[in-house]
């Protein structure tokens, strides 16, 4: 991590910490003092990893939570590729199952 800092930069400087790239993973909480910072950045960017590892894997084709919601609802631009089209269909199917369970 220190190689990412400019010459003379130190992790004691909050500006330097903010210059570090964000790569939040749910396991970060167990070993990294910066996990809250990275999680906040991931949340602000709508990265699926904030929903957990499984959700991040399943929503990878969308790239973000807002894009996944657009695919689910059919709003916004149509699917960019086969992976997004497959995800859109799976999200709609899951939404229908949830609706049947919740509303009988």
PDB file of N, CA and C in Angstrom:
ATOM      1  N   UNK A   1       0.818  -1.176   0.000  1.00  0.00           N
ATOM      2  CA  UNK A   1       0.000   0.000   0.000  1.00  0.00           C
ATOM      3  C   UNK A   1       0.876   1.259   0.000  1.00  0.00           C
ATOM      4  N   UNK A   2       1.977   1.193   0.683  1.00  0.00           N
ATOM      5  CA  UNK A   2       2.839   2.374   0.760  1.00  0.00           C
ATOM      6  C   UNK A   2       3.372   2.778  -0.613  1.00  0.00           C
ATOM      7  N   UNK A   3       3.483   1.807  -1.542  1.00  0.00           N
ATOM      8  CA  UNK A   3       3.945   2.128  -2.900  1.00  0.00           C
ATOM      9  C   UNK A   3       2.941   2.982  -3.661  1.00  0.00           C
ATOM     10  N   UNK A   4       1.712   2.995  -3.220  1.00  0.00           N
ATOM     11  CA  UNK A   4       0.685   3.794  -3.874  1.00  0.00           C
ATOM     12  C   UNK A   4       0.759   5.273  -3.484  1.00  0.00           C
ATOM     13  N   UNK A   5       1.455   5.549  -2.402  1.00  0.00           N
ATOM     14  CA  UNK A   5       1.563   6.924  -1.920  1.00  0.00           C
ATOM     15  C   UNK A   5       2.683   7.664  -2.639  1.00  0.00           C
ATOM     16  N   UNK A   6       2.517   8.969  -2.831  1.00  0.00           N
ATOM     17  CA  UNK A   6       3.602   9.748  -3.437  1.00  0.00           C
ATOM     18  C   UNK A   6       4.790   9.851  -2.470  1.00  0.00           C
ATOM     19  N   UNK A   7       5.928  10.243  -3.005  1.00  0.00           N
ATOM     20  CA  UNK A   7       7.124  10.408  -2.175  1.00  0.00           C
ATOM     21  C   UNK A   7       6.812  11.337  -1.008  1.00  0.00           C
ATOM     22  N   UNK A   8       7.171  10.924   0.180  1.00  0.00           N
ATOM     23  CA  UNK A   8       6.924  11.731   1.368  1.00  0.00           C
ATOM     24  C   UNK A   8       5.526  11.563   1.932  1.00  0.00           C
ATOM     25  N   UNK A   9       4.637  10.859   1.223  1.00  0.00           N
ATOM     26  CA  UNK A   9       3.274  10.641   1.713  1.00  0.00           C
ATOM     27  C   UNK A   9       3.267   9.646   2.855  1.00  0.00           C
ATOM     28  N   UNK A  10       2.330   9.826   3.750  1.00  0.00           N
ATOM     29  CA  UNK A  10       2.230   8.933   4.899  1.00  0.00           C
ATOM     30  C   UNK A  10       0.767   8.610   5.159  1.00  0.00           C
ATOM     31  N   UNK A  11       0.520   7.439   5.680  1.00  0.00           N
ATOM     32  CA  UNK A  11      -0.847   7.034   5.989  1.00  0.00           C
ATOM     33  C   UNK A  11      -1.409   7.770   7.201  1.00  0.00           C
ATOM     34  N   UNK A  12      -0.597   8.559   7.871  1.00  0.00           N
ATOM     35  CA  UNK A  12      -1.086   9.391   8.963  1.00  0.00           C
ATOM     36  C   UNK A  12      -1.835  10.616   8.428  1.00  0.00           C
ATOM     37  N   UNK A  13      -1.687  10.891   7.130  1.00  0.00           N
ATOM     38  CA  UNK A  13      -2.326  12.050   6.497  1.00  0.00           C
ATOM     39  C   UNK A  13      -3.655  11.622   5.870  1.00  0.00           C
ATOM     40  N   UNK A  14      -4.800  12.147   6.361  1.00  0.00           N
ATOM     41  CA  UNK A  14      -6.102  11.768   5.813  1.00  0.00           C
ATOM     42  C   UNK A  14      -6.233  12.010   4.300  1.00  0.00           C
ATOM     43  N   UNK A  15      -5.547  13.017   3.780  1.00  0.00           N
ATOM     44  CA  UNK A  15      -5.587  13.281   2.337  1.00  0.00           C
ATOM     45  C   UNK A  15      -4.957  12.110   1.578  1.00  0.00           C
ATOM     46  N   UNK A  16      -3.890  11.584   2.110  1.00  0.00           N
ATOM     47  CA  UNK A  16      -3.223  10.440   1.480  1.00  0.00           C
ATOM     48  C   UNK A  16      -4.117   9.199   1.536  1.00  0.00           C
ATOM     49  N   UNK A  17      -4.778   9.012   2.652  1.00  0.00           N
ATOM     50  CA  UNK A  17      -5.681   7.860   2.780  1.00  0.00           C
ATOM     51  C   UNK A  17      -6.794   7.960   1.747  1.00  0.00           C
ATOM     52  N   UNK A  18      -7.347   9.145   1.579  1.00  0.00           N
ATOM     53  CA  UNK A  18      -8.418   9.321   0.594  1.00  0.00           C
ATOM     54  C   UNK A  18      -7.938   9.131  -0.839  1.00  0.00           C
ATOM     55  N   UNK A  19      -6.653   9.253  -1.080  1.00  0.00           N
ATOM     56  CA  UNK A  19      -6.123   9.064  -2.432  1.00  0.00           C
ATOM     57  C   UNK A  19      -5.962   7.587  -2.787  1.00  0.00           C
ATOM     58  N   UNK A  20      -6.062   6.701  -1.794  1.00  0.00           N
ATOM     59  CA  UNK A  20      -5.910   5.277  -2.049  1.00  0.00           C
ATOM     60  C   UNK A  20      -7.122   4.734  -2.803  1.00  0.00           C
ATOM     61  N   UNK A  21      -6.911   3.764  -3.685  1.00  0.00           N
ATOM     62  CA  UNK A  21      -8.043   3.169  -4.400  1.00  0.00           C
ATOM     63  C   UNK A  21      -8.919   2.361  -3.453  1.00  0.00           C
ATOM     64  N   UNK A  22     -10.174   2.262  -3.795  1.00  0.00           N
ATOM     65  CA  UNK A  22     -11.143   1.530  -2.993  1.00  0.00           C
ATOM     66  C   UNK A  22     -11.329   0.140  -3.595  1.00  0.00           C
ATOM     67  N   UNK A  23     -11.252  -0.885  -2.760  1.00  0.00           N
ATOM     68  CA  UNK A  23     -11.505  -2.255  -3.206  1.00  0.00           C
ATOM     69  C   UNK A  23     -12.146  -3.010  -2.048  1.00  0.00           C
ATOM     70  N   UNK A  24     -13.333  -2.587  -1.652  1.00  0.00           N
ATOM     71  CA  UNK A  24     -14.005  -3.168  -0.498  1.00  0.00           C
ATOM     72  C   UNK A  24     -14.422  -4.610  -0.760  1.00  0.00           C
ATOM     73  N   UNK A  25     -14.207  -5.456   0.225  1.00  0.00           N
ATOM     74  CA  UNK A  25     -14.676  -6.838   0.265  1.00  0.00           C
ATOM     75  C   UNK A  25     -15.222  -7.070   1.660  1.00  0.00           C
ATOM     76  N   UNK A  26     -16.209  -7.933   1.777  1.00  0.00           N
ATOM     77  CA  UNK A  26     -16.842  -8.136   3.080  1.00  0.00           C
ATOM     78  C   UNK A  26     -15.848  -8.642   4.126  1.00  0.00           C
ATOM     79  N   UNK A  27     -14.827  -9.369   3.727  1.00  0.00           N
ATOM     80  CA  UNK A  27     -13.836  -9.873   4.679  1.00  0.00           C
ATOM     81  C   UNK A  27     -12.914  -8.772   5.198  1.00  0.00           C
ATOM     82  N   UNK A  28     -12.939  -7.600   4.592  1.00  0.00           N
ATOM     83  CA  UNK A  28     -12.064  -6.507   5.028  1.00  0.00           C
ATOM     84  C   UNK A  28     -12.304  -6.139   6.491  1.00  0.00           C
ATOM     85  N   UNK A  29     -13.526  -6.294   6.957  1.00  0.00           N
ATOM     86  CA  UNK A  29     -13.870  -5.928   8.336  1.00  0.00           C
ATOM     87  C   UNK A  29     -13.012  -6.670   9.352  1.00  0.00           C
ATOM     88  N   UNK A  30     -12.557  -7.848   8.984  1.00  0.00           N
ATOM     89  CA  UNK A  30     -11.815  -8.694   9.904  1.00  0.00           C
ATOM     90  C   UNK A  30     -10.366  -8.280  10.086  1.00  0.00           C
ATOM     91  N   UNK A  31      -9.802  -7.512   9.132  1.00  0.00           N
ATOM     92  CA  UNK A  31      -8.366  -7.266   9.216  1.00  0.00           C
ATOM     93  C   UNK A  31      -7.899  -5.880   8.783  1.00  0.00           C
ATOM     94  N   UNK A  32      -8.780  -5.011   8.332  1.00  0.00           N
ATOM     95  CA  UNK A  32      -8.317  -3.725   7.796  1.00  0.00           C
ATOM     96  C   UNK A  32      -8.969  -2.550   8.526  1.00  0.00           C
ATOM     97  N   UNK A  33      -8.146  -1.648   8.963  1.00  0.00           N
ATOM     98  CA  UNK A  33      -8.641  -0.467   9.676  1.00  0.00           C
ATOM     99  C   UNK A  33      -9.363   0.508   8.747  1.00  0.00           C
ATOM    100  N   UNK A  34      -9.203   0.336   7.438  1.00  0.00           N
ATOM    101  CA  UNK A  34      -9.845   1.236   6.469  1.00  0.00           C
ATOM    102  C   UNK A  34     -11.169   0.702   5.936  1.00  0.00           C
ATOM    103  N   UNK A  35     -11.675  -0.401   6.471  1.00  0.00           N
ATOM    104  CA  UNK A  35     -12.863  -1.024   5.903  1.00  0.00           C
ATOM    105  C   UNK A  35     -14.069  -0.095   5.877  1.00  0.00           C
ATOM    106  N   UNK A  36     -14.256   0.738   6.885  1.00  0.00           N
ATOM    107  CA  UNK A  36     -15.414   1.631   6.906  1.00  0.00           C
ATOM    108  C   UNK A  36     -15.334   2.662   5.785  1.00  0.00           C
ATOM    109  N   UNK A  37     -14.127   3.166   5.536  1.00  0.00           N
ATOM    110  CA  UNK A  37     -13.914   4.122   4.455  1.00  0.00           C
ATOM    111  C   UNK A  37     -14.229   3.474   3.114  1.00  0.00           C
ATOM    112  N   UNK A  38     -13.693   2.297   2.897  1.00  0.00           N
ATOM    113  CA  UNK A  38     -13.906   1.613   1.627  1.00  0.00           C
ATOM    114  C   UNK A  38     -15.369   1.216   1.446  1.00  0.00           C
ATOM    115  N   UNK A  39     -16.015   0.770   2.525  1.00  0.00           N
ATOM    116  CA  UNK A  39     -17.439   0.424   2.433  1.00  0.00           C
ATOM    117  C   UNK A  39     -18.255   1.652   2.075  1.00  0.00           C
ATOM    118  N   UNK A  40     -17.937   2.799   2.661  1.00  0.00           N
ATOM    119  CA  UNK A  40     -18.661   4.038   2.340  1.00  0.00           C
ATOM    120  C   UNK A  40     -18.498   4.406   0.870  1.00  0.00           C
ATOM    121  N   UNK A  41     -17.286   4.235   0.345  1.00  0.00           N
ATOM    122  CA  UNK A  41     -17.061   4.515  -1.082  1.00  0.00           C
ATOM    123  C   UNK A  41     -17.847   3.532  -1.949  1.00  0.00           C
ATOM    124  N   UNK A  42     -17.849   2.262  -1.572  1.00  0.00           N
ATOM    125  CA  UNK A  42     -18.587   1.249  -2.324  1.00  0.00           C
ATOM    126  C   UNK A  42     -20.087   1.536  -2.287  1.00  0.00           C
ATOM    127  N   UNK A  43     -20.582   1.950  -1.142  1.00  0.00           N
ATOM    128  CA  UNK A  43     -21.995   2.300  -1.013  1.00  0.00           C
ATOM    129  C   UNK A  43     -22.337   3.497  -1.893  1.00  0.00           C
ATOM    130  N   UNK A  44     -21.515   4.519  -1.852  1.00  0.00           N
ATOM    131  CA  UNK A  44     -21.759   5.714  -2.667  1.00  0.00           C
ATOM    132  C   UNK A  44     -21.734   5.397  -4.156  1.00  0.00           C
ATOM    133  N   UNK A  45     -20.914   4.428  -4.557  1.00  0.00           N
ATOM    134  CA  UNK A  45     -20.808   4.052  -5.966  1.00  0.00           C
ATOM    135  C   UNK A  45     -21.855   3.009  -6.370  1.00  0.00           C
ATOM    136  N   UNK A  46     -22.626   2.518  -5.414  1.00  0.00           N
ATOM    137  CA  UNK A  46     -23.643   1.515  -5.718  1.00  0.00           C
ATOM    138  C   UNK A  46     -23.065   0.169  -6.099  1.00  0.00           C
ATOM    139  N   UNK A  47     -21.902  -0.154  -5.540  1.00  0.00           N
ATOM    140  CA  UNK A  47     -21.266  -1.429  -5.855  1.00  0.00           C
ATOM    141  C   UNK A  47     -21.992  -2.574  -5.158  1.00  0.00           C
ATOM    142  N   UNK A  48     -22.312  -3.634  -5.886  1.00  0.00           N
ATOM    143  CA  UNK A  48     -23.053  -4.754  -5.298  1.00  0.00           C
ATOM    144  C   UNK A  48     -22.366  -5.426  -4.114  1.00  0.00           C
ATOM    145  N   UNK A  49     -21.061  -5.264  -3.946  1.00  0.00           N
ATOM    146  CA  UNK A  49     -20.356  -5.913  -2.850  1.00  0.00           C
ATOM    147  C   UNK A  49     -20.901  -5.494  -1.488  1.00  0.00           C
ATOM    148  N   UNK A  50     -21.522  -4.348  -1.389  1.00  0.00           N
ATOM    149  CA  UNK A  50     -22.078  -3.943  -0.096  1.00  0.00           C
ATOM    150  C   UNK A  50     -23.233  -4.841   0.333  1.00  0.00           C
ATOM    151  N   UNK A  51     -23.788  -5.592  -0.616  1.00  0.00           N
ATOM    152  CA  UNK A  51     -24.855  -6.538  -0.308  1.00  0.00           C
ATOM    153  C   UNK A  51     -24.317  -7.913   0.047  1.00  0.00           C
ATOM    154  N   UNK A  52     -22.996  -8.079  -0.021  1.00  0.00           N
ATOM    155  CA  UNK A  52     -22.365  -9.353   0.302  1.00  0.00           C
ATOM    156  C   UNK A  52     -21.728  -9.980  -0.923  1.00  0.00           C
ATOM    157  N   UNK A  53     -20.922 -10.999  -0.656  1.00  0.00           N
ATOM    158  CA  UNK A  53     -20.171 -11.649  -1.725  1.00  0.00           C
ATOM    159  C   UNK A  53     -21.073 -12.329  -2.744  1.00  0.00           C
ATOM    160  N   UNK A  54     -22.112 -13.009  -2.290  1.00  0.00           N
ATOM    161  CA  UNK A  54     -23.004 -13.711  -3.207  1.00  0.00           C
ATOM    162  C   UNK A  54     -23.721 -12.731  -4.125  1.00  0.00           C
ATOM    163  N   UNK A  55     -24.239 -11.648  -3.560  1.00  0.00           N
ATOM    164  CA  UNK A  55     -24.911 -10.638  -4.378  1.00  0.00           C
ATOM    165  C   UNK A  55     -23.945 -10.008  -5.368  1.00  0.00           C
ATOM    166  N   UNK A  56     -22.717  -9.754  -4.941  1.00  0.00           N
ATOM    167  CA  UNK A  56     -21.722  -9.170  -5.842  1.00  0.00           C
ATOM    168  C   UNK A  56     -21.474 -10.089  -7.027  1.00  0.00           C
ATOM    169  N   UNK A  57     -21.405 -11.371  -6.756  1.00  0.00           N
ATOM    170  CA  UNK A  57     -21.194 -12.339  -7.841  1.00  0.00           C
ATOM    171  C   UNK A  57     -22.408 -12.392  -8.763  1.00  0.00           C
ATOM    172  N   UNK A  58     -23.590 -12.440  -8.185  1.00  0.00           N
ATOM    173  CA  UNK A  58     -24.799 -12.575  -8.997  1.00  0.00           C
ATOM    174  C   UNK A  58     -25.121 -11.308  -9.791  1.00  0.00           C
ATOM    175  N   UNK A  59     -24.745 -10.145  -9.279  1.00  0.00           N
ATOM    176  CA  UNK A  59     -25.051  -8.882  -9.958  1.00  0.00           C
ATOM    177  C   UNK A  59     -23.862  -8.346 -10.761  1.00  0.00           C
ATOM    178  N   UNK A  60     -22.818  -9.145 -10.894  1.00  0.00           N
ATOM    179  CA  UNK A  60     -21.597  -8.694 -11.566  1.00  0.00           C
ATOM    180  C   UNK A  60     -21.870  -8.187 -12.978  1.00  0.00           C
ATOM    181  N   UNK A  61     -22.758  -8.806 -13.705  1.00  0.00           N
ATOM    182  CA  UNK A  61     -23.034  -8.391 -15.085  1.00  0.00           C
ATOM    183  C   UNK A  61     -23.567  -6.963 -15.147  1.00  0.00           C
ATOM    184  N   UNK A  62     -24.297  -6.537 -14.112  1.00  0.00           N
ATOM    185  CA  UNK A  62     -24.849  -5.181 -14.084  1.00  0.00           C
ATOM    186  C   UNK A  62     -23.773  -4.161 -13.715  1.00  0.00           C
ATOM    187  N   UNK A  63     -22.864  -4.538 -12.852  1.00  0.00           N
ATOM    188  CA  UNK A  63     -21.787  -3.638 -12.457  1.00  0.00           C
ATOM    189  C   UNK A  63     -22.131  -2.704 -11.313  1.00  0.00           C
ATOM    190  N   UNK A  64     -23.405  -2.443 -11.102  1.00  0.00           N
ATOM    191  CA  UNK A  64     -23.812  -1.569  -9.995  1.00  0.00           C
ATOM    192  C   UNK A  64     -25.234  -1.919  -9.585  1.00  0.00           C
ATOM    193  N   UNK A  65     -25.575  -1.535  -8.369  1.00  0.00           N
ATOM    194  CA  UNK A  65     -26.932  -1.776  -7.880  1.00  0.00           C
ATOM    195  C   UNK A  65     -27.951  -0.963  -8.679  1.00  0.00           C
ATOM    196  N   UNK A  66     -27.697   0.326  -8.959  1.00  0.00           N
ATOM    197  CA  UNK A  66     -28.672   1.071  -9.766  1.00  0.00           C
ATOM    198  C   UNK A  66     -28.904   0.439 -11.148  1.00  0.00           C
ATOM    199  N   UNK A  67     -27.851  -0.066 -11.772  1.00  0.00           N
ATOM    200  CA  UNK A  67     -28.023  -0.710 -13.076  1.00  0.00           C
ATOM    201  C   UNK A  67     -28.832  -1.992 -12.929  1.00  0.00           C
ATOM    202  N   UNK A  68     -28.597  -2.768 -11.865  1.00  0.00           N
ATOM    203  CA  UNK A  68     -29.378  -3.982 -11.625  1.00  0.00           C
ATOM    204  C   UNK A  68     -30.851  -3.642 -11.423  1.00  0.00           C
ATOM    205  N   UNK A  69     -31.133  -2.565 -10.698  1.00  0.00           N
ATOM    206  CA  UNK A  69     -32.521  -2.149 -10.504  1.00  0.00           C
ATOM    207  C   UNK A  69     -33.159  -1.724 -11.821  1.00  0.00           C
ATOM    208  N   UNK A  70     -32.394  -1.061 -12.677  1.00  0.00           N
ATOM    209  CA  UNK A  70     -32.903  -0.695 -14.005  1.00  0.00           C
ATOM    210  C   UNK A  70     -33.216  -1.945 -14.827  1.00  0.00           C
ATOM    211  N   UNK A  71     -32.333  -2.940 -14.765  1.00  0.00           N
ATOM    212  CA  UNK A  71     -32.580  -4.178 -15.492  1.00  0.00           C
ATOM    213  C   UNK A  71     -33.814  -4.901 -14.957  1.00  0.00           C
ATOM    214  N   UNK A  72     -33.985  -4.878 -13.652  1.00  0.00           N
ATOM    215  CA  UNK A  72     -35.152  -5.502 -13.033  1.00  0.00           C
ATOM    216  C   UNK A  72     -36.445  -4.839 -13.489  1.00  0.00           C
ATOM    217  N   UNK A  73     -36.451  -3.524 -13.499  1.00  0.00           N
ATOM    218  CA  UNK A  73     -37.680  -2.784 -13.810  1.00  0.00           C
ATOM    219  C   UNK A  73     -37.883  -2.526 -15.292  1.00  0.00           C
ATOM    220  N   UNK A  74     -36.834  -2.726 -16.089  1.00  0.00           N
ATOM    221  CA  UNK A  74     -36.937  -2.431 -17.523  1.00  0.00           C
ATOM    222  C   UNK A  74     -36.766  -0.963 -17.842  1.00  0.00           C
ATOM    223  N   UNK A  75     -36.330  -0.171 -16.859  1.00  0.00           N
ATOM    224  CA  UNK A  75     -36.092   1.257 -17.093  1.00  0.00           C
ATOM    225  C   UNK A  75     -34.704   1.454 -17.677  1.00  0.00           C
ATOM    226  N   UNK A  76     -34.459   2.650 -18.131  1.00  0.00           N
ATOM    227  CA  UNK A  76     -33.124   2.968 -18.632  1.00  0.00           C
ATOM    228  C   UNK A  76     -32.833   2.269 -19.937  1.00  0.00           C
ATOM    229  N   UNK A  77     -31.567   2.159 -20.247  1.00  0.00           N
ATOM    230  CA  UNK A  77     -31.163   1.548 -21.510  1.00  0.00           C
ATOM    231  C   UNK A  77     -31.370   0.038 -21.462  1.00  0.00           C
ATOM    232  N   UNK A  78     -31.607  -0.557 -22.598  1.00  0.00           N
ATOM    233  CA  UNK A  78     -31.785  -2.013 -22.640  1.00  0.00           C
ATOM    234  C   UNK A  78     -30.471  -2.724 -22.288  1.00  0.00           C
ATOM    235  N   UNK A  79     -30.532  -4.025 -22.047  1.00  0.00           N
ATOM    236  CA  UNK A  79     -29.307  -4.767 -21.729  1.00  0.00           C
ATOM    237  C   UNK A  79     -28.229  -4.545 -22.784  1.00  0.00           C
ATOM    238  N   UNK A  80     -27.007  -4.351 -22.305  1.00  0.00           N
ATOM    239  CA  UNK A  80     -25.867  -4.089 -23.184  1.00  0.00           C
ATOM    240  C   UNK A  80     -25.335  -5.336 -23.864  1.00  0.00           C
ATOM    241  N   UNK A  81     -25.582  -6.507 -23.261  1.00  0.00           N
ATOM    242  CA  UNK A  81     -25.006  -7.741 -23.777  1.00  0.00           C
ATOM    243  C   UNK A  81     -25.819  -8.927 -23.256  1.00  0.00           C
ATOM    244  N   UNK A  82     -25.401 -10.130 -23.651  1.00  0.00           N
ATOM    245  CA  UNK A  82     -26.126 -11.332 -23.234  1.00  0.00           C
ATOM    246  C   UNK A  82     -26.114 -11.515 -21.717  1.00  0.00           C
ATOM    247  N   UNK A  83     -25.008 -11.170 -21.075  1.00  0.00           N
ATOM    248  CA  UNK A  83     -24.918 -11.329 -19.618  1.00  0.00           C
ATOM    249  C   UNK A  83     -25.941 -10.434 -18.916  1.00  0.00           C
ATOM    250  N   UNK A  84     -26.067  -9.192 -19.366  1.00  0.00           N
ATOM    251  CA  UNK A  84     -27.072  -8.301 -18.763  1.00  0.00           C
ATOM    252  C   UNK A  84     -28.487  -8.787 -19.082  1.00  0.00           C
ATOM    253  N   UNK A  85     -28.716  -9.291 -20.278  1.00  0.00           N
ATOM    254  CA  UNK A  85     -30.048  -9.794 -20.636  1.00  0.00           C
ATOM    255  C   UNK A  85     -30.418 -10.996 -19.767  1.00  0.00           C
ATOM    256  N   UNK A  86     -29.466 -11.884 -19.543  1.00  0.00           N
ATOM    257  CA  UNK A  86     -29.702 -13.047 -18.683  1.00  0.00           C
ATOM    258  C   UNK A  86     -29.989 -12.603 -17.252  1.00  0.00           C
ATOM    259  N   UNK A  87     -29.225 -11.637 -16.765  1.00  0.00           N
ATOM    260  CA  UNK A  87     -29.449 -11.114 -15.421  1.00  0.00           C
ATOM    261  C   UNK A  87     -30.813 -10.456 -15.318  1.00  0.00           C
ATOM    262  N   UNK A  88     -31.192  -9.675 -16.318  1.00  0.00           N
ATOM    263  CA  UNK A  88     -32.494  -8.999 -16.301  1.00  0.00           C
ATOM    264  C   UNK A  88     -33.621 -10.021 -16.197  1.00  0.00           C
ATOM    265  N   UNK A  89     -33.537 -11.090 -16.980  1.00  0.00           N
ATOM    266  CA  UNK A  89     -34.570 -12.130 -16.933  1.00  0.00           C
ATOM    267  C   UNK A  89     -34.597 -12.809 -15.575  1.00  0.00           C
ATOM    268  N   UNK A  90     -33.421 -13.106 -15.015  1.00  0.00           N
ATOM    269  CA  UNK A  90     -33.359 -13.761 -13.704  1.00  0.00           C
ATOM    270  C   UNK A  90     -33.919 -12.849 -12.611  1.00  0.00           C
ATOM    271  N   UNK A  91     -33.611 -11.568 -12.679  1.00  0.00           N
ATOM    272  CA  UNK A  91     -34.136 -10.626 -11.684  1.00  0.00           C
ATOM    273  C   UNK A  91     -35.654 -10.503 -11.791  1.00  0.00           C
ATOM    274  N   UNK A  92     -36.162 -10.440 -13.001  1.00  0.00           N
ATOM    275  CA  UNK A  92     -37.625 -10.368 -13.179  1.00  0.00           C
ATOM    276  C   UNK A  92     -38.292 -11.633 -12.661  1.00  0.00           C
ATOM    277  N   UNK A  93     -37.715 -12.806 -12.966  1.00  0.00           N
ATOM    278  CA  UNK A  93     -38.273 -14.071 -12.467  1.00  0.00           C
ATOM    279  C   UNK A  93     -38.287 -14.099 -10.944  1.00  0.00           C
ATOM    280  N   UNK A  94     -37.185 -13.681 -10.332  1.00  0.00           N
ATOM    281  CA  UNK A  94     -37.104 -13.656  -8.868  1.00  0.00           C
ATOM    282  C   UNK A  94     -38.114 -12.668  -8.288  1.00  0.00           C
ATOM    283  N   UNK A  95     -38.297 -11.545  -8.957  1.00  0.00           N
ATOM    284  CA  UNK A  95     -39.283 -10.561  -8.512  1.00  0.00           C
ATOM    285  C   UNK A  95     -40.700 -11.109  -8.560  1.00  0.00           C
ATOM    286  N   UNK A  96     -41.002 -11.879  -9.578  1.00  0.00           N
ATOM    287  CA  UNK A  96     -42.327 -12.493  -9.685  1.00  0.00           C
ATOM    288  C   UNK A  96     -42.556 -13.526  -8.594  1.00  0.00           C
ATOM    289  N   UNK A  97     -41.523 -14.321  -8.301  1.00  0.00           N
ATOM    290  CA  UNK A  97     -41.627 -15.306  -7.217  1.00  0.00           C
ATOM    291  C   UNK A  97     -41.850 -14.589  -5.887  1.00  0.00           C
ATOM    292  N   UNK A  98     -41.083 -13.550  -5.640  1.00  0.00           N
ATOM    293  CA  UNK A  98     -41.247 -12.784  -4.397  1.00  0.00           C
ATOM    294  C   UNK A  98     -42.639 -12.187  -4.308  1.00  0.00           C
ATOM    295  N   UNK A  99     -43.152 -11.670  -5.415  1.00  0.00           N
ATOM    296  CA  UNK A  99     -44.486 -11.087  -5.427  1.00  0.00           C
ATOM    297  C   UNK A  99     -45.539 -12.155  -5.101  1.00  0.00           C
ATOM    298  N   UNK A 100     -45.390 -13.338  -5.680  1.00  0.00           N
ATOM    299  CA  UNK A 100     -46.347 -14.431  -5.386  1.00  0.00           C
ATOM    300  C   UNK A 100     -46.272 -14.827  -3.910  1.00  0.00           C
ATOM    301  N   UNK A 101     -45.067 -14.901  -3.371  1.00  0.00           N
ATOM    302  CA  UNK A 101     -44.912 -15.297  -1.965  1.00  0.00           C
ATOM    303  C   UNK A 101     -45.514 -14.231  -1.050  1.00  0.00           C
ATOM    304  N   UNK A 102     -45.225 -12.984  -1.350  1.00  0.00           N
ATOM    305  CA  UNK A 102     -45.659 -11.889  -0.483  1.00  0.00           C
ATOM    306  C   UNK A 102     -47.157 -11.597  -0.612  1.00  0.00           C
ATOM    307  N   UNK A 103     -47.692 -11.778  -1.804  1.00  0.00           N
ATOM    308  CA  UNK A 103     -49.071 -11.357  -2.045  1.00  0.00           C
ATOM    309  C   UNK A 103     -50.025 -12.515  -2.307  1.00  0.00           C
ATOM    310  N   UNK A 104     -49.538 -13.726  -2.222  1.00  0.00           N
ATOM    311  CA  UNK A 104     -50.374 -14.905  -2.377  1.00  0.00           C
ATOM    312  C   UNK A 104     -50.769 -15.241  -3.737  1.00  0.00           C
TER     313      UNK A 104
END
